[in-house]
Amino acid sequence: MWTGVLCGLLAGAMWGMVFIVPELLPAFSPVELAVGRYIAYGAIAAGLMLPRLRPLLGRLDRGDCGALLRHALAGNIVYYMLLALGVKLAGVAPTSLIIGLLPITVTLLGRKDHGAIPLSQLALPLLVVGAGIACINLDVFLHARASGAAPGATLLGVLCAFGALLCWSWYALDNTRFLKRNAHFSSAEWSALYGMASGLIALLVGTLAFAVWHGEVTGAAAAASGRNWTMFWIANTLLALGASVIGNHLWNIASRRVPVTLAGQLILFETLFALLYGFIYQQRLPRMLETAAIVLLVAGVLWSVRVHALQPTHA
């Protein structure tokens, strides 16, 4: 189990980077950011699996293709579009901390899965996590009001963040259940197939977007708006390699080694690392309520890990 916990933590460290890229590339739309990231992800995944690509594709059946399609859409394309729009409209901290509700939503949705810890044993750790999320949201709303941000844009950003939360909650459960039922692909193989599926869908979305918005995203006007395509591809390639290729591979290992209820808690590391990267990017220390939230979130996750470790069937 502890190998799964470590892999989940490292996956969170990789995933935390996704909240910073929309801040680094403000001139690009969420659709462009998602398309760029997942085209890069698909290309890297195909390149890594090239020597084994033909036999690997030959092992796919209809059920595998259906799972890849729905996971690529919910867990990658749609999720990242909503996340990027949330970051642009509401900011890194609000978006990352709304998505920080994943430990609660995944735990509640997966409470009837085989091997799940009864919720009565997780009530106190979840309460601690909930208190941490309450602290950070109080801080966000207090400082949003002081900054004079447009309420309509902030509300839309918050709604997008909740949409991303719903997408990833469903994906996390469906992916975990699929991997536990289907052992005919290794974690590396499934991550590569997942990446190639995401890349193909992103290429289709990008082609359609280019056809519709060609006049708005190219030419002298685009150059004058600060749209640096070299930085765009560098940032998205690094994000694809770190957050998608490495992060998803680590998460697939964790998904097979820990029960669903614990997997839900480990997702919280994405939020913690996103906050850390955000503070570094903004060159500031966390405020008092932010500090309280971080302490409570870490305590809740560690408490949950301990509850699982004490169960003989999960040792």
C-alpha atoms as a PDB file:
ATOM      1  CA  MET A   1       0.000   0.000   0.000  1.00  0.00           C
ATOM      2  CA  TRP A   2       2.788   2.446   0.858  1.00  0.00           C
ATOM      3  CA  THR A   3       4.182   2.258  -2.683  1.00  0.00           C
ATOM      4  CA  GLY A   4       0.752   3.325  -3.905  1.00  0.00           C
ATOM      5  CA  VAL A   5       0.675   6.216  -1.425  1.00  0.00           C
ATOM      6  CA  LEU A   6       4.103   7.432  -2.578  1.00  0.00           C
ATOM      7  CA  CYS A   7       3.092   7.182  -6.245  1.00  0.00           C
ATOM      8  CA  GLY A   8      -0.075   9.140  -5.481  1.00  0.00           C
ATOM      9  CA  LEU A   9       1.952  11.882  -3.779  1.00  0.00           C
ATOM     10  CA  LEU A  10       4.380  12.158  -6.699  1.00  0.00           C
ATOM     11  CA  ALA A  11       1.483  12.210  -9.175  1.00  0.00           C
ATOM     12  CA  GLY A  12       0.024  15.133  -7.212  1.00  0.00           C
ATOM     13  CA  ALA A  13       3.338  16.966  -7.463  1.00  0.00           C
ATOM     14  CA  MET A  14       3.249  16.563 -11.235  1.00  0.00           C
ATOM     15  CA  TRP A  15      -0.424  17.479 -11.583  1.00  0.00           C
ATOM     16  CA  GLY A  16      -0.041  20.638  -9.507  1.00  0.00           C
ATOM     17  CA  MET A  17       1.774  22.196 -12.473  1.00  0.00           C
ATOM     18  CA  VAL A  18      -1.412  22.315 -14.571  1.00  0.00           C
ATOM     19  CA  PHE A  19      -2.737  25.270 -12.556  1.00  0.00           C
ATOM     20  CA  ILE A  20       0.275  27.458 -13.361  1.00  0.00           C
ATOM     21  CA  VAL A  21       0.433  27.082 -17.157  1.00  0.00           C
ATOM     22  CA  PRO A  22      -2.787  29.102 -17.795  1.00  0.00           C
ATOM     23  CA  GLU A  23      -1.184  31.910 -15.757  1.00  0.00           C
ATOM     24  CA  LEU A  24       2.018  31.669 -17.805  1.00  0.00           C
ATOM     25  CA  LEU A  25       0.095  31.747 -21.112  1.00  0.00           C
ATOM     26  CA  PRO A  26      -2.720  34.278 -20.529  1.00  0.00           C
ATOM     27  CA  ALA A  27      -3.056  35.172 -24.234  1.00  0.00           C
ATOM     28  CA  PHE A  28      -4.224  31.664 -25.159  1.00  0.00           C
ATOM     29  CA  SER A  29      -7.756  30.323 -24.737  1.00  0.00           C
ATOM     30  CA  PRO A  30      -8.610  27.241 -22.631  1.00  0.00           C
ATOM     31  CA  VAL A  31      -9.377  25.327 -25.841  1.00  0.00           C
ATOM     32  CA  GLU A  32      -5.922  26.134 -27.239  1.00  0.00           C
ATOM     33  CA  LEU A  33      -4.239  25.193 -23.965  1.00  0.00           C
ATOM     34  CA  ALA A  34      -6.038  21.847 -23.834  1.00  0.00           C
ATOM     35  CA  VAL A  35      -5.356  21.095 -27.499  1.00  0.00           C
ATOM     36  CA  GLY A  36      -1.665  21.982 -27.196  1.00  0.00           C
ATOM     37  CA  ARG A  37      -1.133  19.939 -24.055  1.00  0.00           C
ATOM     38  CA  TYR A  38      -2.852  16.803 -25.270  1.00  0.00           C
ATOM     39  CA  ILE A  39      -1.437  16.827 -28.796  1.00  0.00           C
ATOM     40  CA  ALA A  40       1.981  16.928 -27.114  1.00  0.00           C
ATOM     41  CA  TYR A  41       0.905  14.167 -24.703  1.00  0.00           C
ATOM     42  CA  GLY A  42      -0.317  11.945 -27.543  1.00  0.00           C
ATOM     43  CA  ALA A  43       2.888  12.446 -29.547  1.00  0.00           C
ATOM     44  CA  ILE A  44       5.120  11.640 -26.555  1.00  0.00           C
ATOM     45  CA  ALA A  45       3.039   8.583 -25.620  1.00  0.00           C
ATOM     46  CA  ALA A  46       3.130   7.245 -29.194  1.00  0.00           C
ATOM     47  CA  GLY A  47       6.874   7.822 -29.396  1.00  0.00           C
ATOM     48  CA  LEU A  48       7.523   5.980 -26.134  1.00  0.00           C
ATOM     49  CA  MET A  49       5.457   2.977 -27.213  1.00  0.00           C
ATOM     50  CA  LEU A  50       6.550   2.972 -30.889  1.00  0.00           C
ATOM     51  CA  PRO A  51       8.477  -0.347 -30.785  1.00  0.00           C
ATOM     52  CA  ARG A  52       5.426  -2.090 -29.254  1.00  0.00           C
ATOM     53  CA  LEU A  53       2.686   0.029 -30.788  1.00  0.00           C
ATOM     54  CA  ARG A  54       1.229  -2.420 -33.334  1.00  0.00           C
ATOM     55  CA  PRO A  55       0.815  -5.412 -30.959  1.00  0.00           C
ATOM     56  CA  LEU A  56      -0.436  -3.052 -28.229  1.00  0.00           C
ATOM     57  CA  LEU A  57      -3.173  -1.638 -30.462  1.00  0.00           C
ATOM     58  CA  GLY A  58      -4.026  -5.171 -31.568  1.00  0.00           C
ATOM     59  CA  ARG A  59      -4.926  -6.114 -27.984  1.00  0.00           C
ATOM     60  CA  LEU A  60      -7.598  -3.414 -27.719  1.00  0.00           C
ATOM     61  CA  ASP A  61     -11.206  -4.600 -27.693  1.00  0.00           C
ATOM     62  CA  ARG A  62     -14.428  -2.589 -27.910  1.00  0.00           C
ATOM     63  CA  GLY A  63     -14.653  -2.156 -24.129  1.00  0.00           C
ATOM     64  CA  ASP A  64     -11.095  -0.829 -23.958  1.00  0.00           C
ATOM     65  CA  CYS A  65     -11.782   1.694 -26.737  1.00  0.00           C
ATOM     66  CA  GLY A  66     -14.926   2.897 -24.989  1.00  0.00           C
ATOM     67  CA  ALA A  67     -13.030   3.370 -21.740  1.00  0.00           C
ATOM     68  CA  LEU A  68     -10.237   5.279 -23.497  1.00  0.00           C
ATOM     69  CA  LEU A  69     -12.727   7.574 -25.209  1.00  0.00           C
ATOM     70  CA  ARG A  70     -14.675   8.476 -22.080  1.00  0.00           C
ATOM     71  CA  HIS A  71     -11.561   8.801 -19.919  1.00  0.00           C
ATOM     72  CA  ALA A  72      -9.773  11.001 -22.452  1.00  0.00           C
ATOM     73  CA  LEU A  73     -12.777  13.318 -22.653  1.00  0.00           C
ATOM     74  CA  ALA A  74     -13.727  13.504 -18.971  1.00  0.00           C
ATOM     75  CA  GLY A  75     -10.286  13.139 -17.388  1.00  0.00           C
ATOM     76  CA  ASN A  76      -8.284  15.184 -19.888  1.00  0.00           C
ATOM     77  CA  ILE A  77      -9.868  17.348 -22.588  1.00  0.00           C
ATOM     78  CA  VAL A  78     -13.060  18.683 -20.974  1.00  0.00           C
ATOM     79  CA  TYR A  79     -11.529  18.700 -17.491  1.00  0.00           C
ATOM     80  CA  TYR A  80      -8.536  20.807 -18.529  1.00  0.00           C
ATOM     81  CA  MET A  81     -10.614  23.253 -20.582  1.00  0.00           C
ATOM     82  CA  LEU A  82     -12.797  23.923 -17.537  1.00  0.00           C
ATOM     83  CA  LEU A  83      -9.773  24.103 -15.221  1.00  0.00           C
ATOM     84  CA  ALA A  84      -7.944  26.576 -17.468  1.00  0.00           C
ATOM     85  CA  LEU A  85     -11.022  28.789 -17.751  1.00  0.00           C
ATOM     86  CA  GLY A  86     -11.470  28.635 -13.987  1.00  0.00           C
ATOM     87  CA  VAL A  87      -7.868  29.745 -13.440  1.00  0.00           C
ATOM     88  CA  LYS A  88      -8.223  32.605 -15.918  1.00  0.00           C
ATOM     89  CA  LEU A  89     -11.469  33.926 -14.419  1.00  0.00           C
ATOM     90  CA  ALA A  90     -11.215  33.073 -10.716  1.00  0.00           C
ATOM     91  CA  GLY A  91      -7.482  32.526 -10.120  1.00  0.00           C
ATOM     92  CA  VAL A  92      -5.168  29.659  -9.172  1.00  0.00           C
ATOM     93  CA  ALA A  93      -6.102  29.379  -5.496  1.00  0.00           C
ATOM     94  CA  PRO A  94      -9.917  29.277  -5.862  1.00  0.00           C
ATOM     95  CA  THR A  95      -9.760  26.812  -8.758  1.00  0.00           C
ATOM     96  CA  SER A  96      -7.232  24.483  -7.132  1.00  0.00           C
ATOM     97  CA  LEU A  97      -9.132  24.465  -3.862  1.00  0.00           C
ATOM     98  CA  ILE A  98     -12.530  23.804  -5.413  1.00  0.00           C
ATOM     99  CA  ILE A  99     -10.923  20.868  -7.192  1.00  0.00           C
ATOM    100  CA  GLY A 100      -9.481  20.054  -3.768  1.00  0.00           C
ATOM    101  CA  LEU A 101     -12.955  18.768  -2.914  1.00  0.00           C
ATOM    102  CA  LEU A 102     -12.036  15.646  -4.923  1.00  0.00           C
ATOM    103  CA  PRO A 103     -11.080  13.628  -1.808  1.00  0.00           C
ATOM    104  CA  ILE A 104     -14.602  14.122  -0.475  1.00  0.00           C
ATOM    105  CA  THR A 105     -16.483  13.570  -3.735  1.00  0.00           C
ATOM    106  CA  VAL A 106     -14.447  10.508  -4.752  1.00  0.00           C
ATOM    107  CA  THR A 107     -14.672   8.991  -1.272  1.00  0.00           C
ATOM    108  CA  LEU A 108     -18.429   9.468  -1.120  1.00  0.00           C
ATOM    109  CA  LEU A 109     -19.015   8.159  -4.639  1.00  0.00           C
ATOM    110  CA  GLY A 110     -16.732   5.151  -4.053  1.00  0.00           C
ATOM    111  CA  ARG A 111     -18.060   4.214  -0.619  1.00  0.00           C
ATOM    112  CA  LYS A 112     -19.695   0.989  -1.889  1.00  0.00           C
ATOM    113  CA  ASP A 113     -16.660  -0.293  -3.814  1.00  0.00           C
ATOM    114  CA  HIS A 114     -14.967  -3.546  -2.780  1.00  0.00           C
ATOM    115  CA  GLY A 115     -12.252  -2.913  -0.178  1.00  0.00           C
ATOM    116  CA  ALA A 116     -13.482   0.554   0.732  1.00  0.00           C
ATOM    117  CA  ILE A 117     -13.196   1.631   4.349  1.00  0.00           C
ATOM    118  CA  PRO A 118     -16.591   2.326   5.997  1.00  0.00           C
ATOM    119  CA  LEU A 119     -17.383   6.022   6.063  1.00  0.00           C
ATOM    120  CA  SER A 120     -17.878   5.874   9.811  1.00  0.00           C
ATOM    121  CA  GLN A 121     -14.121   5.283  10.170  1.00  0.00           C
ATOM    122  CA  LEU A 122     -13.305   8.134   7.785  1.00  0.00           C
ATOM    123  CA  ALA A 123     -15.714  10.682   9.246  1.00  0.00           C
ATOM    124  CA  LEU A 124     -13.150  12.516  11.373  1.00  0.00           C
ATOM    125  CA  PRO A 125     -10.400  12.687   8.702  1.00  0.00           C
ATOM    126  CA  LEU A 126     -12.979  13.941   6.192  1.00  0.00           C
ATOM    127  CA  LEU A 127     -14.175  16.512   8.716  1.00  0.00           C
ATOM    128  CA  VAL A 128     -10.609  17.788   9.067  1.00  0.00           C
ATOM    129  CA  VAL A 129     -10.269  17.989   5.274  1.00  0.00           C
ATOM    130  CA  GLY A 130     -13.586  19.827   5.078  1.00  0.00           C
ATOM    131  CA  ALA A 131     -12.405  22.336   7.691  1.00  0.00           C
ATOM    132  CA  GLY A 132      -9.278  22.982   5.639  1.00  0.00           C
ATOM    133  CA  ILE A 133     -11.295  23.573   2.485  1.00  0.00           C
ATOM    134  CA  ALA A 134     -13.609  25.919   4.419  1.00  0.00           C
ATOM    135  CA  CYS A 135     -10.609  27.958   5.596  1.00  0.00           C
ATOM    136  CA  ILE A 136      -9.172  28.423   2.139  1.00  0.00           C
ATOM    137  CA  ASN A 137     -12.529  29.336   0.601  1.00  0.00           C
ATOM    138  CA  LEU A 138     -13.115  31.923   3.337  1.00  0.00           C
ATOM    139  CA  ASP A 139      -9.717  33.414   2.521  1.00  0.00           C
ATOM    140  CA  VAL A 140     -10.493  33.431  -1.212  1.00  0.00           C
ATOM    141  CA  PHE A 141     -13.809  35.242  -0.850  1.00  0.00           C
ATOM    142  CA  LEU A 142     -12.440  37.786   1.621  1.00  0.00           C
ATOM    143  CA  HIS A 143      -9.581  38.753  -0.672  1.00  0.00           C
ATOM    144  CA  ALA A 144     -11.664  38.599  -3.876  1.00  0.00           C
ATOM    145  CA  ARG A 145     -14.006  41.210  -2.397  1.00  0.00           C
ATOM    146  CA  ALA A 146     -11.055  43.393  -1.369  1.00  0.00           C
ATOM    147  CA  SER A 147      -9.489  43.187  -4.844  1.00  0.00           C
ATOM    148  CA  GLY A 148     -12.641  44.418  -6.580  1.00  0.00           C
ATOM    149  CA  ALA A 149     -12.760  41.526  -9.072  1.00  0.00           C
ATOM    150  CA  ALA A 150     -15.778  41.419 -11.406  1.00  0.00           C
ATOM    151  CA  PRO A 151     -18.364  39.211  -9.644  1.00  0.00           C
ATOM    152  CA  GLY A 152     -19.770  37.809 -12.895  1.00  0.00           C
ATOM    153  CA  ALA A 153     -16.385  36.632 -14.171  1.00  0.00           C
ATOM    154  CA  THR A 154     -15.427  35.236 -10.768  1.00  0.00           C
ATOM    155  CA  LEU A 155     -18.715  33.329 -10.529  1.00  0.00           C
ATOM    156  CA  LEU A 156     -18.241  31.865 -14.015  1.00  0.00           C
ATOM    157  CA  GLY A 157     -14.712  30.814 -13.052  1.00  0.00           C
ATOM    158  CA  VAL A 158     -16.019  29.138  -9.892  1.00  0.00           C
ATOM    159  CA  LEU A 159     -18.704  27.292 -11.895  1.00  0.00           C
ATOM    160  CA  CYS A 160     -16.039  26.100 -14.357  1.00  0.00           C
ATOM    161  CA  ALA A 161     -13.942  24.848 -11.464  1.00  0.00           C
ATOM    162  CA  PHE A 162     -16.931  22.889 -10.126  1.00  0.00           C
ATOM    163  CA  GLY A 163     -17.480  21.481 -13.611  1.00  0.00           C
ATOM    164  CA  ALA A 164     -13.852  20.312 -13.646  1.00  0.00           C
ATOM    165  CA  LEU A 165     -14.408  18.797 -10.199  1.00  0.00           C
ATOM    166  CA  LEU A 166     -17.371  16.766 -11.466  1.00  0.00           C
ATOM    167  CA  CYS A 167     -15.454  15.595 -14.553  1.00  0.00           C
ATOM    168  CA  TRP A 168     -12.460  14.389 -12.589  1.00  0.00           C
ATOM    169  CA  SER A 169     -14.501  12.819  -9.789  1.00  0.00           C
ATOM    170  CA  TRP A 170     -16.262  10.612 -12.313  1.00  0.00           C
ATOM    171  CA  TYR A 171     -13.048   9.865 -14.212  1.00  0.00           C
ATOM    172  CA  ALA A 172     -11.087   8.923 -11.055  1.00  0.00           C
ATOM    173  CA  LEU A 173     -13.706   6.378 -10.017  1.00  0.00           C
ATOM    174  CA  ASP A 174     -14.298   4.920 -13.479  1.00  0.00           C
ATOM    175  CA  ASN A 175     -10.569   4.645 -14.223  1.00  0.00           C
ATOM    176  CA  THR A 176      -9.816   2.994 -10.874  1.00  0.00           C
ATOM    177  CA  ARG A 177     -12.631   0.485 -11.310  1.00  0.00           C
ATOM    178  CA  PHE A 178     -11.607  -0.281 -14.887  1.00  0.00           C
ATOM    179  CA  LEU A 179      -7.959  -0.888 -13.940  1.00  0.00           C
ATOM    180  CA  LYS A 180      -8.936  -3.199 -11.087  1.00  0.00           C
ATOM    181  CA  ARG A 181     -11.206  -5.239 -13.398  1.00  0.00           C
ATOM    182  CA  ASN A 182      -8.811  -5.332 -16.362  1.00  0.00           C
ATOM    183  CA  ALA A 183      -5.250  -6.469 -15.757  1.00  0.00           C
ATOM    184  CA  HIS A 184      -4.386  -7.198 -19.411  1.00  0.00           C
ATOM    185  CA  PHE A 185      -2.614  -3.835 -19.750  1.00  0.00           C
ATOM    186  CA  SER A 186       0.228  -2.654 -17.542  1.00  0.00           C
ATOM    187  CA  SER A 187       0.060   0.810 -15.969  1.00  0.00           C
ATOM    188  CA  ALA A 188       2.588   2.104 -18.540  1.00  0.00           C
ATOM    189  CA  GLU A 189       0.668   0.592 -21.456  1.00  0.00           C
ATOM    190  CA  TRP A 190      -2.677   1.978 -20.318  1.00  0.00           C
ATOM    191  CA  SER A 191      -1.176   5.417 -19.698  1.00  0.00           C
ATOM    192  CA  ALA A 192       0.289   5.404 -23.222  1.00  0.00           C
ATOM    193  CA  LEU A 193      -3.020   4.352 -24.789  1.00  0.00           C
ATOM    194  CA  TYR A 194      -4.797   7.004 -22.729  1.00  0.00           C
ATOM    195  CA  GLY A 195      -2.345   9.604 -23.988  1.00  0.00           C
ATOM    196  CA  MET A 196      -2.722   8.612 -27.626  1.00  0.00           C
ATOM    197  CA  ALA A 197      -6.521   8.681 -27.338  1.00  0.00           C
ATOM    198  CA  SER A 198      -6.340  12.139 -25.768  1.00  0.00           C
ATOM    199  CA  GLY A 199      -3.986  13.314 -28.510  1.00  0.00           C
ATOM    200  CA  LEU A 200      -6.280  12.120 -31.307  1.00  0.00           C
ATOM    201  CA  ILE A 201      -9.307  13.827 -29.742  1.00  0.00           C
ATOM    202  CA  ALA A 202      -7.290  17.009 -29.149  1.00  0.00           C
ATOM    203  CA  LEU A 203      -6.142  16.979 -32.781  1.00  0.00           C
ATOM    204  CA  LEU A 204      -9.773  16.722 -33.922  1.00  0.00           C
ATOM    205  CA  VAL A 205     -10.872  19.513 -31.566  1.00  0.00           C
ATOM    206  CA  GLY A 206      -7.929  21.669 -32.660  1.00  0.00           C
ATOM    207  CA  THR A 207      -8.719  21.142 -36.352  1.00  0.00           C
ATOM    208  CA  LEU A 208     -12.344  22.164 -35.831  1.00  0.00           C
ATOM    209  CA  ALA A 209     -11.350  25.174 -33.715  1.00  0.00           C
ATOM    210  CA  PHE A 210      -8.809  26.286 -36.322  1.00  0.00           C
ATOM    211  CA  ALA A 211     -11.425  26.038 -39.071  1.00  0.00           C
ATOM    212  CA  VAL A 212     -13.933  28.090 -37.070  1.00  0.00           C
ATOM    213  CA  TRP A 213     -11.631  30.687 -35.484  1.00  0.00           C
ATOM    214  CA  HIS A 214      -8.776  30.839 -38.005  1.00  0.00           C
ATOM    215  CA  GLY A 215      -9.039  34.600 -38.423  1.00  0.00           C
ATOM    216  CA  GLU A 216      -8.945  35.223 -34.679  1.00  0.00           C
ATOM    217  CA  VAL A 217      -5.971  33.074 -33.743  1.00  0.00           C
ATOM    218  CA  THR A 218      -3.476  33.723 -36.515  1.00  0.00           C
ATOM    219  CA  GLY A 219      -1.713  36.572 -38.287  1.00  0.00           C
ATOM    220  CA  ALA A 220      -0.439  39.968 -37.174  1.00  0.00           C
ATOM    221  CA  ALA A 221      -3.254  40.488 -34.673  1.00  0.00           C
ATOM    222  CA  ALA A 222      -2.292  37.303 -32.842  1.00  0.00           C
ATOM    223  CA  ALA A 223       1.379  38.299 -32.744  1.00  0.00           C
ATOM    224  CA  ALA A 224       0.503  41.759 -31.418  1.00  0.00           C
ATOM    225  CA  SER A 225      -1.582  40.261 -28.602  1.00  0.00           C
ATOM    226  CA  GLY A 226       1.459  38.580 -27.041  1.00  0.00           C
ATOM    227  CA  ARG A 227       0.723  35.063 -28.267  1.00  0.00           C
ATOM    228  CA  ASN A 228       4.178  33.509 -28.073  1.00  0.00           C
ATOM    229  CA  TRP A 229       3.839  30.162 -29.837  1.00  0.00           C
ATOM    230  CA  THR A 230       7.367  29.053 -28.971  1.00  0.00           C
ATOM    231  CA  MET A 231       6.614  29.450 -25.259  1.00  0.00           C
ATOM    232  CA  PHE A 232       3.209  27.836 -25.849  1.00  0.00           C
ATOM    233  CA  TRP A 233       4.712  24.616 -27.217  1.00  0.00           C
ATOM    234  CA  ILE A 234       7.581  24.512 -24.722  1.00  0.00           C
ATOM    235  CA  ALA A 235       5.226  24.921 -21.755  1.00  0.00           C
ATOM    236  CA  ASN A 236       2.684  22.427 -23.073  1.00  0.00           C
ATOM    237  CA  THR A 237       5.313  19.843 -23.983  1.00  0.00           C
ATOM    238  CA  LEU A 238       6.833  20.045 -20.503  1.00  0.00           C
ATOM    239  CA  LEU A 239       3.361  19.855 -18.991  1.00  0.00           C
ATOM    240  CA  ALA A 240       2.490  16.865 -21.163  1.00  0.00           C
ATOM    241  CA  LEU A 241       5.667  15.060 -20.146  1.00  0.00           C
ATOM    242  CA  GLY A 242       5.455  15.833 -16.430  1.00  0.00           C
ATOM    243  CA  ALA A 243       1.765  15.991 -15.591  1.00  0.00           C
ATOM    244  CA  SER A 244       0.385  13.657 -18.264  1.00  0.00           C
ATOM    245  CA  VAL A 245       3.012  11.011 -19.095  1.00  0.00           C
ATOM    246  CA  ILE A 246       4.772  10.718 -15.731  1.00  0.00           C
ATOM    247  CA  GLY A 247       1.886  11.842 -13.520  1.00  0.00           C
ATOM    248  CA  ASN A 248      -0.711   9.546 -15.088  1.00  0.00           C
ATOM    249  CA  HIS A 249       1.656   6.567 -14.997  1.00  0.00           C
ATOM    250  CA  LEU A 250       2.254   7.148 -11.280  1.00  0.00           C
ATOM    251  CA  TRP A 251      -1.475   7.504 -10.699  1.00  0.00           C
ATOM    252  CA  ASN A 252      -2.246   4.233 -12.514  1.00  0.00           C
ATOM    253  CA  ILE A 253       0.221   2.458 -10.211  1.00  0.00           C
ATOM    254  CA  ALA A 254      -1.417   4.057  -7.169  1.00  0.00           C
ATOM    255  CA  SER A 255      -4.915   3.144  -8.425  1.00  0.00           C
ATOM    256  CA  ARG A 256      -4.019  -0.539  -8.484  1.00  0.00           C
ATOM    257  CA  ARG A 257      -2.369  -0.556  -5.050  1.00  0.00           C
ATOM    258  CA  VAL A 258      -4.798   1.365  -2.845  1.00  0.00           C
ATOM    259  CA  PRO A 259      -8.585   1.173  -2.273  1.00  0.00           C
ATOM    260  CA  VAL A 260     -10.848   3.765  -3.867  1.00  0.00           C
ATOM    261  CA  THR A 261     -11.481   5.614  -0.597  1.00  0.00           C
ATOM    262  CA  LEU A 262      -7.747   6.155  -0.049  1.00  0.00           C
ATOM    263  CA  ALA A 263      -7.193   7.084  -3.706  1.00  0.00           C
ATOM    264  CA  GLY A 264      -9.680   9.884  -3.160  1.00  0.00           C
ATOM    265  CA  GLN A 265      -7.607  11.251  -0.296  1.00  0.00           C
ATOM    266  CA  LEU A 266      -4.347  11.070  -2.253  1.00  0.00           C
ATOM    267  CA  ILE A 267      -5.762  13.328  -4.984  1.00  0.00           C
ATOM    268  CA  LEU A 268      -5.508  16.127  -2.414  1.00  0.00           C
ATOM    269  CA  PHE A 269      -1.751  16.286  -2.979  1.00  0.00           C
ATOM    270  CA  GLU A 270      -2.493  17.877  -6.367  1.00  0.00           C
ATOM    271  CA  THR A 271      -4.161  20.777  -4.535  1.00  0.00           C
ATOM    272  CA  LEU A 272      -1.308  21.184  -2.058  1.00  0.00           C
ATOM    273  CA  PHE A 273       1.339  21.267  -4.770  1.00  0.00           C
ATOM    274  CA  ALA A 274      -0.772  23.646  -6.873  1.00  0.00           C
ATOM    275  CA  LEU A 275      -0.895  26.022  -3.891  1.00  0.00           C
ATOM    276  CA  LEU A 276       2.856  25.711  -3.363  1.00  0.00           C
ATOM    277  CA  TYR A 277       3.609  26.463  -7.013  1.00  0.00           C
ATOM    278  CA  GLY A 278       1.139  29.349  -6.932  1.00  0.00           C
ATOM    279  CA  PHE A 279       2.840  30.928  -3.919  1.00  0.00           C
ATOM    280  CA  ILE A 280       6.227  30.579  -5.617  1.00  0.00           C
ATOM    281  CA  TYR A 281       4.876  32.091  -8.846  1.00  0.00           C
ATOM    282  CA  GLN A 282       3.300  35.003  -6.939  1.00  0.00           C
ATOM    283  CA  GLN A 283       6.430  35.370  -4.786  1.00  0.00           C
ATOM    284  CA  ARG A 284       4.567  35.516  -1.501  1.00  0.00           C
ATOM    285  CA  LEU A 285       4.015  33.516   1.658  1.00  0.00           C
ATOM    286  CA  PRO A 286       0.619  31.966   2.450  1.00  0.00           C
ATOM    287  CA  ARG A 287      -1.777  34.068   4.494  1.00  0.00           C
ATOM    288  CA  MET A 288      -3.025  32.923   7.909  1.00  0.00           C
ATOM    289  CA  LEU A 289      -6.162  31.182   6.642  1.00  0.00           C
ATOM    290  CA  GLU A 290      -4.203  29.601   3.795  1.00  0.00           C
ATOM    291  CA  THR A 291      -1.670  28.248   6.281  1.00  0.00           C
ATOM    292  CA  ALA A 292      -4.463  26.826   8.443  1.00  0.00           C
ATOM    293  CA  ALA A 293      -6.000  25.187   5.389  1.00  0.00           C
ATOM    294  CA  ILE A 294      -2.744  23.542   4.340  1.00  0.00           C
ATOM    295  CA  VAL A 295      -2.140  22.169   7.853  1.00  0.00           C
ATOM    296  CA  LEU A 296      -5.680  20.794   8.074  1.00  0.00           C
ATOM    297  CA  LEU A 297      -5.555  19.226   4.603  1.00  0.00           C
ATOM    298  CA  VAL A 298      -2.243  17.482   5.257  1.00  0.00           C
ATOM    299  CA  ALA A 299      -3.468  16.263   8.674  1.00  0.00           C
ATOM    300  CA  GLY A 300      -6.656  14.895   7.125  1.00  0.00           C
ATOM    301  CA  VAL A 301      -4.801  12.986   4.408  1.00  0.00           C
ATOM    302  CA  LEU A 302      -2.245  11.516   6.818  1.00  0.00           C
ATOM    303  CA  TRP A 303      -5.034  10.509   9.195  1.00  0.00           C
ATOM    304  CA  SER A 304      -6.870   8.765   6.367  1.00  0.00           C
ATOM    305  CA  VAL A 305      -3.693   6.935   5.322  1.00  0.00           C
ATOM    306  CA  ARG A 306      -3.260   5.740   8.912  1.00  0.00           C
ATOM    307  CA  VAL A 307      -6.865   4.476   9.064  1.00  0.00           C
ATOM    308  CA  HIS A 308      -6.239   2.408   5.926  1.00  0.00           C
ATOM    309  CA  ALA A 309      -2.853   1.155   7.139  1.00  0.00           C
ATOM    310  CA  LEU A 310      -4.427  -0.210  10.329  1.00  0.00           C
ATOM    311  CA  GLN A 311      -6.846  -2.369   8.341  1.00  0.00           C
ATOM    312  CA  PRO A 312      -5.392  -5.919   7.955  1.00  0.00           C
ATOM    313  CA  THR A 313      -6.907  -6.368   4.485  1.00  0.00           C
ATOM    314  CA  HIS A 314      -5.104  -3.278   3.157  1.00  0.00           C
ATOM    315  CA  ALA A 315      -1.675  -3.874   4.666  1.00  0.00           C
END
